[in-house]
Each structure stands twice: as C-alpha cells, then as structure tokens.
Amino acid sequence: MKSPEPTPLIRLRGITKTFGEGSAAFQALKGVDLDVAKGEFVAIMGPSGSGKSTAMNIIGCLDSPSSGTYEYHGTHVEKLSRRQRALLRRNFLGFVFQGFNLLARTSALENVELPLIYRGASTSERHSAGRAALEQVGLAGWEDHTPAELSGGQQQRVALARAIITQPSVLLADEPTGNLDSRTSREVMDLIAALNRDHGITVLMVTHEPDMADYARRIVRFVDGQVESDHRRQENG
C-alpha cells in the first residue's frame, strides 16, 4: 500500500489578491495553487507585474489574500489575527530583500540582533547569536562596522545573518542579488544554497535572473497573476 504524501509546509489554494476597488481594482493574483515541501529551494520567476512578489508577501504574512486558503504547517494563516500572523512571521520566517534594509547608523552586530530584540532576548543571548550568525555568513571580525563601511555584498551578508539569527524554518528572499555584481551575487547565492543544503532551511526566492534561479531545484513561473509553469530541475550527478 502506497504511503500518503507528506503534508506540504506551505499550501496555497485559490489565492487571489485584489488592490483597489470598483473601476480602479487590479487583480494581482487570480487563483494561485502552490505547494512547497519542507527543505525545498524554490525560485519564483516571471515578468514585472506577474504577481510573484505579491504571492511572496502573502506567504511571508506581510499581506493577506483577498480569497483562498493559505496553510502553513497545517495552520490556516488566512484565519489568523494580525497579531498571530506577526508571531508566525517572527518565529518561523526570515526575510532578505534587494535593498538590504539595514539601519544606517547601527553596527553590523546591532543590525543582526534586531529580530531578537523583538523577541525579548537578553543582551548576552543577542550578542552570542549575532556573532555566530555573522560568522556563518563569513563576516567574523566585522561586527562593529556600520553599513557605510561595508560593500554591497557585505551588507547583503549582514541582512542574511539578520534573517537567520532566529533559526527560521523558511527563508524568503526577494531579488536578493538585484543590487550586486555577478561575482558577489554568486557568493551570496552560495551562502543561501548552503543554508538550504546544510541546515534544511526551506528557501523561496523571487528573481529575474536565470543564472540565480539555477541554484534552486524547482522553478515556478508566474504570468498575469497565475502559476504558468512549475518545473523541477534534475539533480546534477
């Protein structure tokens, strides 16, 4: 007898998202179905306005769907209160954005520690975890540098360390290499791939760049607010 398929970590069913009302309404998502299993590395691609970032914001609990269901680990996220969604986001999800989003006059270590401040962790806990996270992304010794004293690649590494300091189950990366040159992009992607491979972090990454999408084992393409294709790449070797 065939064993049942494991429940996906993330399950979207019939997700729609409409912005505005009446004649000004715009439907960004038009019934998206998507399953993501624990430990997957998924690249989400598509032209501008295709709905990929809107879908990412819903998965990341930064926005709510207009209709449809979103289950995270079996919990119906669309039924949660704003506070409950914030707790889910804080405890299980990590975020990396194209623009780094670092505090300018704050050291690398203090930037990385921010999520733990929201959790109420002690100063010693924050310092220890922050230094470990910076070391994990290759920035040991750079703790006291401000963003202005760091290259773009180093700033994105700080942002990555901030995203993983809470040991999230899912890393959501929206164009994480969009502001980086090709060599630095590969370095950042190598780090993200290692987090997925070595630590089992599920990765969902929005990207326009095919060579960055090649790091993923699965490519989901959005067009006009819908999933146009869902392709699993062959493992090398």
Protein backbone atom coordinates (compact mmCIF):
# COMPACT_ATOMS: atom_id res chain seq x y z
CA MET A 1 0.00 0.00 0.00
CA LYS A 2 1.39 3.37 -1.03
CA SER A 3 2.16 5.68 1.90
CA PRO A 4 0.34 9.04 1.89
CA GLU A 5 2.12 12.11 0.59
CA PRO A 6 3.54 14.25 3.42
CA THR A 7 1.62 17.44 4.16
CA PRO A 8 3.34 20.41 2.47
CA LEU A 9 4.94 23.01 4.73
CA ILE A 10 3.22 25.70 2.65
CA ARG A 11 -0.02 25.18 0.76
CA LEU A 12 -1.83 27.86 -1.25
CA ARG A 13 -5.24 27.10 -2.74
CA GLY A 14 -7.21 29.50 -4.93
CA ILE A 15 -5.31 32.53 -3.66
CA THR A 16 -6.48 35.83 -5.12
CA LYS A 17 -5.37 39.37 -4.31
CA THR A 18 -7.16 42.49 -5.49
CA PHE A 19 -5.85 46.01 -4.92
CA GLY A 20 -8.24 48.96 -5.10
CA GLU A 21 -11.98 48.98 -5.63
CA GLY A 22 -14.51 49.42 -8.40
CA SER A 23 -13.20 50.53 -11.78
CA ALA A 24 -9.75 51.08 -10.24
CA ALA A 25 -9.47 47.49 -8.95
CA PHE A 26 -6.48 45.45 -10.05
CA GLN A 27 -6.34 41.69 -9.53
CA ALA A 28 -2.69 40.85 -8.85
CA LEU A 29 -3.32 37.15 -8.15
CA LYS A 30 -6.01 35.14 -9.92
CA GLY A 31 -6.36 31.81 -8.14
CA VAL A 32 -2.87 30.59 -7.26
CA ASP A 33 -2.32 26.98 -6.17
CA LEU A 34 1.13 26.16 -4.82
CA ASP A 35 2.62 23.52 -2.50
CA VAL A 36 6.11 23.83 -1.01
CA ALA A 37 7.59 20.92 0.93
CA LYS A 38 9.91 21.31 3.91
CA GLY A 39 13.51 21.70 2.78
CA GLU A 40 12.78 22.75 -0.80
CA PHE A 41 14.63 25.52 -2.66
CA VAL A 42 12.13 27.21 -4.99
CA ALA A 43 12.87 30.07 -7.38
CA ILE A 44 9.84 32.18 -8.30
CA MET A 45 10.20 33.92 -11.66
CA GLY A 46 8.08 35.97 -14.03
CA PRO A 47 7.87 39.41 -15.63
CA SER A 48 7.19 42.57 -13.65
CA GLY A 49 3.55 42.68 -12.57
CA SER A 50 3.13 38.90 -12.79
CA GLY A 51 2.22 38.58 -9.10
CA LYS A 52 5.33 36.84 -7.82
CA SER A 53 6.18 39.43 -5.16
CA THR A 54 2.51 39.66 -4.12
CA ALA A 55 2.49 35.90 -3.59
CA MET A 56 5.74 36.15 -1.63
CA ASN A 57 4.25 38.87 0.61
CA ILE A 58 1.24 36.67 1.36
CA ILE A 59 3.44 33.67 2.17
CA GLY A 60 5.55 35.93 4.40
CA CYS A 61 2.48 37.20 6.29
CA LEU A 62 3.24 40.75 5.13
CA ASP A 63 -0.12 40.86 3.34
CA SER A 64 -3.38 38.88 3.33
CA PRO A 65 -5.16 37.27 0.37
CA SER A 66 -8.50 38.58 -0.86
CA SER A 67 -9.75 34.99 -1.09
CA GLY A 68 -8.44 31.44 -0.99
CA THR A 69 -6.62 29.47 1.70
CA TYR A 70 -3.02 29.57 2.93
CA GLU A 71 -1.88 26.79 5.21
CA TYR A 72 1.47 26.92 6.99
CA HIS A 73 2.29 23.60 8.64
CA GLY A 74 -1.44 22.81 8.64
CA THR A 75 -2.47 26.14 10.21
CA HIS A 76 -4.88 28.28 8.19
CA VAL A 77 -2.96 31.54 8.09
CA GLU A 78 -5.78 33.46 6.42
CA LYS A 79 -7.86 32.92 9.57
CA LEU A 80 -5.22 34.27 11.96
CA SER A 81 -5.41 37.70 13.55
CA ARG A 82 -2.84 40.34 12.66
CA ARG A 83 -1.02 39.64 15.94
CA GLN A 84 -0.98 35.89 15.30
CA ARG A 85 0.41 36.43 11.79
CA ALA A 86 3.11 38.67 13.27
CA LEU A 87 4.06 35.92 15.70
CA LEU A 88 4.25 33.35 12.90
CA ARG A 89 6.41 35.72 10.87
CA ARG A 90 8.66 36.47 13.84
CA ASN A 91 9.17 32.86 14.90
CA PHE A 92 9.31 30.88 11.67
CA LEU A 93 10.17 33.17 8.75
CA GLY A 94 13.32 35.02 7.73
CA PHE A 95 13.47 37.76 5.08
CA VAL A 96 16.13 39.07 2.70
CA PHE A 97 15.34 41.95 0.35
CA GLN A 98 17.05 43.54 -2.63
CA GLY A 99 17.60 46.80 -0.73
CA PHE A 100 19.31 45.24 2.35
CA ASN A 101 17.11 47.36 4.72
CA LEU A 102 19.88 47.92 7.27
CA LEU A 103 19.86 50.72 9.86
CA ALA A 104 22.47 53.19 8.64
CA ARG A 105 23.99 54.40 11.94
CA THR A 106 23.95 50.97 13.56
CA SER A 107 26.73 48.39 13.62
CA ALA A 108 26.54 45.12 11.74
CA LEU A 109 26.10 43.24 15.02
CA GLU A 110 23.28 45.52 16.19
CA ASN A 111 21.52 45.18 12.83
CA VAL A 112 21.71 41.39 13.05
CA GLU A 113 20.43 41.37 16.64
CA LEU A 114 17.21 43.28 15.84
CA PRO A 115 14.90 40.24 15.50
CA LEU A 116 16.00 39.01 18.93
CA ILE A 117 15.22 42.39 20.48
CA TYR A 118 11.62 41.93 19.32
CA ARG A 119 11.66 38.51 20.94
CA GLY A 120 12.85 39.96 24.25
CA ALA A 121 16.14 38.06 24.32
CA SER A 122 18.79 39.15 26.82
CA THR A 123 21.80 41.22 25.76
CA SER A 124 24.18 38.30 26.19
CA GLU A 125 21.91 36.00 24.16
CA ARG A 126 21.68 38.57 21.38
CA HIS A 127 25.44 39.18 21.24
CA SER A 128 26.24 35.47 21.18
CA ALA A 129 23.68 34.63 18.50
CA GLY A 130 24.56 37.72 16.45
CA ARG A 131 28.27 36.92 16.38
CA ALA A 132 27.52 33.31 15.43
CA ALA A 133 25.23 34.43 12.59
CA LEU A 134 27.84 36.86 11.25
CA GLU A 135 30.47 34.15 11.40
CA GLN A 136 28.12 31.81 9.50
CA VAL A 137 27.98 34.29 6.59
CA GLY A 138 31.72 34.95 6.61
CA LEU A 139 31.74 38.28 8.48
CA ALA A 140 33.51 37.39 11.72
CA GLY A 141 35.52 40.47 12.73
CA TRP A 142 33.14 42.92 11.03
CA GLU A 143 30.72 43.23 13.96
CA ASP A 144 31.42 46.90 14.72
CA HIS A 145 31.27 48.20 11.13
CA THR A 146 28.31 50.31 10.00
CA PRO A 147 26.65 49.72 6.59
CA ALA A 148 28.56 52.71 5.14
CA GLU A 149 31.79 50.87 5.92
CA LEU A 150 30.68 47.70 4.13
CA SER A 151 30.49 46.74 0.46
CA GLY A 152 27.15 45.85 -1.10
CA GLY A 153 27.95 42.17 -0.80
CA GLN A 154 28.90 42.54 2.85
CA GLN A 155 25.68 44.47 3.53
CA GLN A 156 23.64 41.65 2.00
CA ARG A 157 25.56 39.16 4.15
CA VAL A 158 24.59 41.20 7.22
CA ALA A 159 20.97 41.12 6.02
CA LEU A 160 21.26 37.36 5.57
CA ALA A 161 22.70 36.95 9.07
CA ARG A 162 19.79 39.01 10.43
CA ALA A 163 17.36 36.72 8.60
CA ILE A 164 18.84 33.51 10.04
CA ILE A 165 19.58 34.63 13.61
CA THR A 166 16.14 33.35 14.69
CA GLN A 167 16.84 29.98 13.03
CA PRO A 168 13.77 30.28 10.77
CA SER A 169 12.10 27.35 9.05
CA VAL A 170 11.66 29.37 5.85
CA LEU A 171 13.87 31.99 4.19
CA LEU A 172 12.02 34.36 1.86
CA ALA A 173 14.41 36.18 -0.48
CA ASP A 174 13.04 38.88 -2.81
CA GLU A 175 15.61 39.68 -5.52
CA PRO A 176 18.49 39.14 -3.04
CA THR A 177 21.16 39.74 -5.70
CA GLY A 178 19.40 42.56 -7.55
CA ASN A 179 21.85 45.24 -6.33
CA LEU A 180 25.02 43.14 -6.58
CA ASP A 181 27.62 42.46 -9.26
CA SER A 182 27.87 38.97 -10.74
CA ARG A 183 30.75 37.74 -8.57
CA THR A 184 29.18 38.99 -5.34
CA SER A 185 25.81 37.60 -6.44
CA ARG A 186 27.33 34.13 -6.72
CA GLU A 187 28.89 34.46 -3.26
CA VAL A 188 25.54 35.40 -1.71
CA MET A 189 23.76 32.61 -3.59
CA ASP A 190 26.36 30.09 -2.43
CA LEU A 191 25.51 31.11 1.15
CA ILE A 192 21.77 30.79 0.58
CA ALA A 193 22.22 27.39 -1.08
CA ALA A 194 24.34 26.23 1.87
CA LEU A 195 21.65 27.29 4.34
CA ASN A 196 19.19 25.18 2.39
CA ARG A 197 21.51 22.20 1.92
CA ASP A 198 23.29 22.08 5.27
CA HIS A 199 20.65 23.46 7.65
CA GLY A 200 17.43 22.32 5.98
CA ILE A 201 16.01 25.84 5.67
CA THR A 202 13.23 26.00 3.10
CA VAL A 203 14.05 28.77 0.59
CA LEU A 204 11.63 30.70 -1.62
CA MET A 205 13.39 33.23 -3.80
CA VAL A 206 11.96 35.76 -6.23
CA THR A 207 14.42 36.54 -9.01
CA HIS A 208 14.54 37.88 -12.58
CA GLU A 209 17.93 36.30 -13.19
CA PRO A 210 18.07 32.79 -14.76
CA ASP A 211 21.61 32.15 -13.50
CA MET A 212 20.49 32.83 -9.93
CA ALA A 213 17.41 30.65 -10.41
CA ASP A 214 19.76 27.83 -11.41
CA TYR A 215 20.69 27.49 -7.73
CA ALA A 216 17.15 26.30 -6.99
CA ARG A 217 15.92 22.76 -7.52
CA ARG A 218 12.49 23.97 -8.61
CA ILE A 219 11.39 26.94 -10.70
CA VAL A 220 7.84 28.29 -10.51
CA ARG A 221 6.95 30.84 -13.17
CA PHE A 222 4.19 33.42 -12.69
CA VAL A 223 2.40 35.15 -15.58
CA ASP A 224 -0.58 37.51 -15.23
CA GLY A 225 -1.29 36.59 -11.62
CA GLN A 226 -1.24 32.83 -12.13
CA VAL A 227 1.27 29.98 -12.00
CA GLU A 228 2.16 29.33 -15.64
CA SER A 229 4.67 26.55 -15.04
CA ASP A 230 6.24 24.55 -12.20
CA HIS A 231 9.44 22.79 -13.16
CA ARG A 232 11.68 20.58 -11.03
CA ARG A 233 15.28 20.56 -12.20
CA GLN A 234 17.29 17.37 -12.50
CA GLU A 235 19.90 16.87 -9.81
CA ASN A 236 23.45 17.08 -11.12
CA GLY A 237 25.50 13.95 -10.92
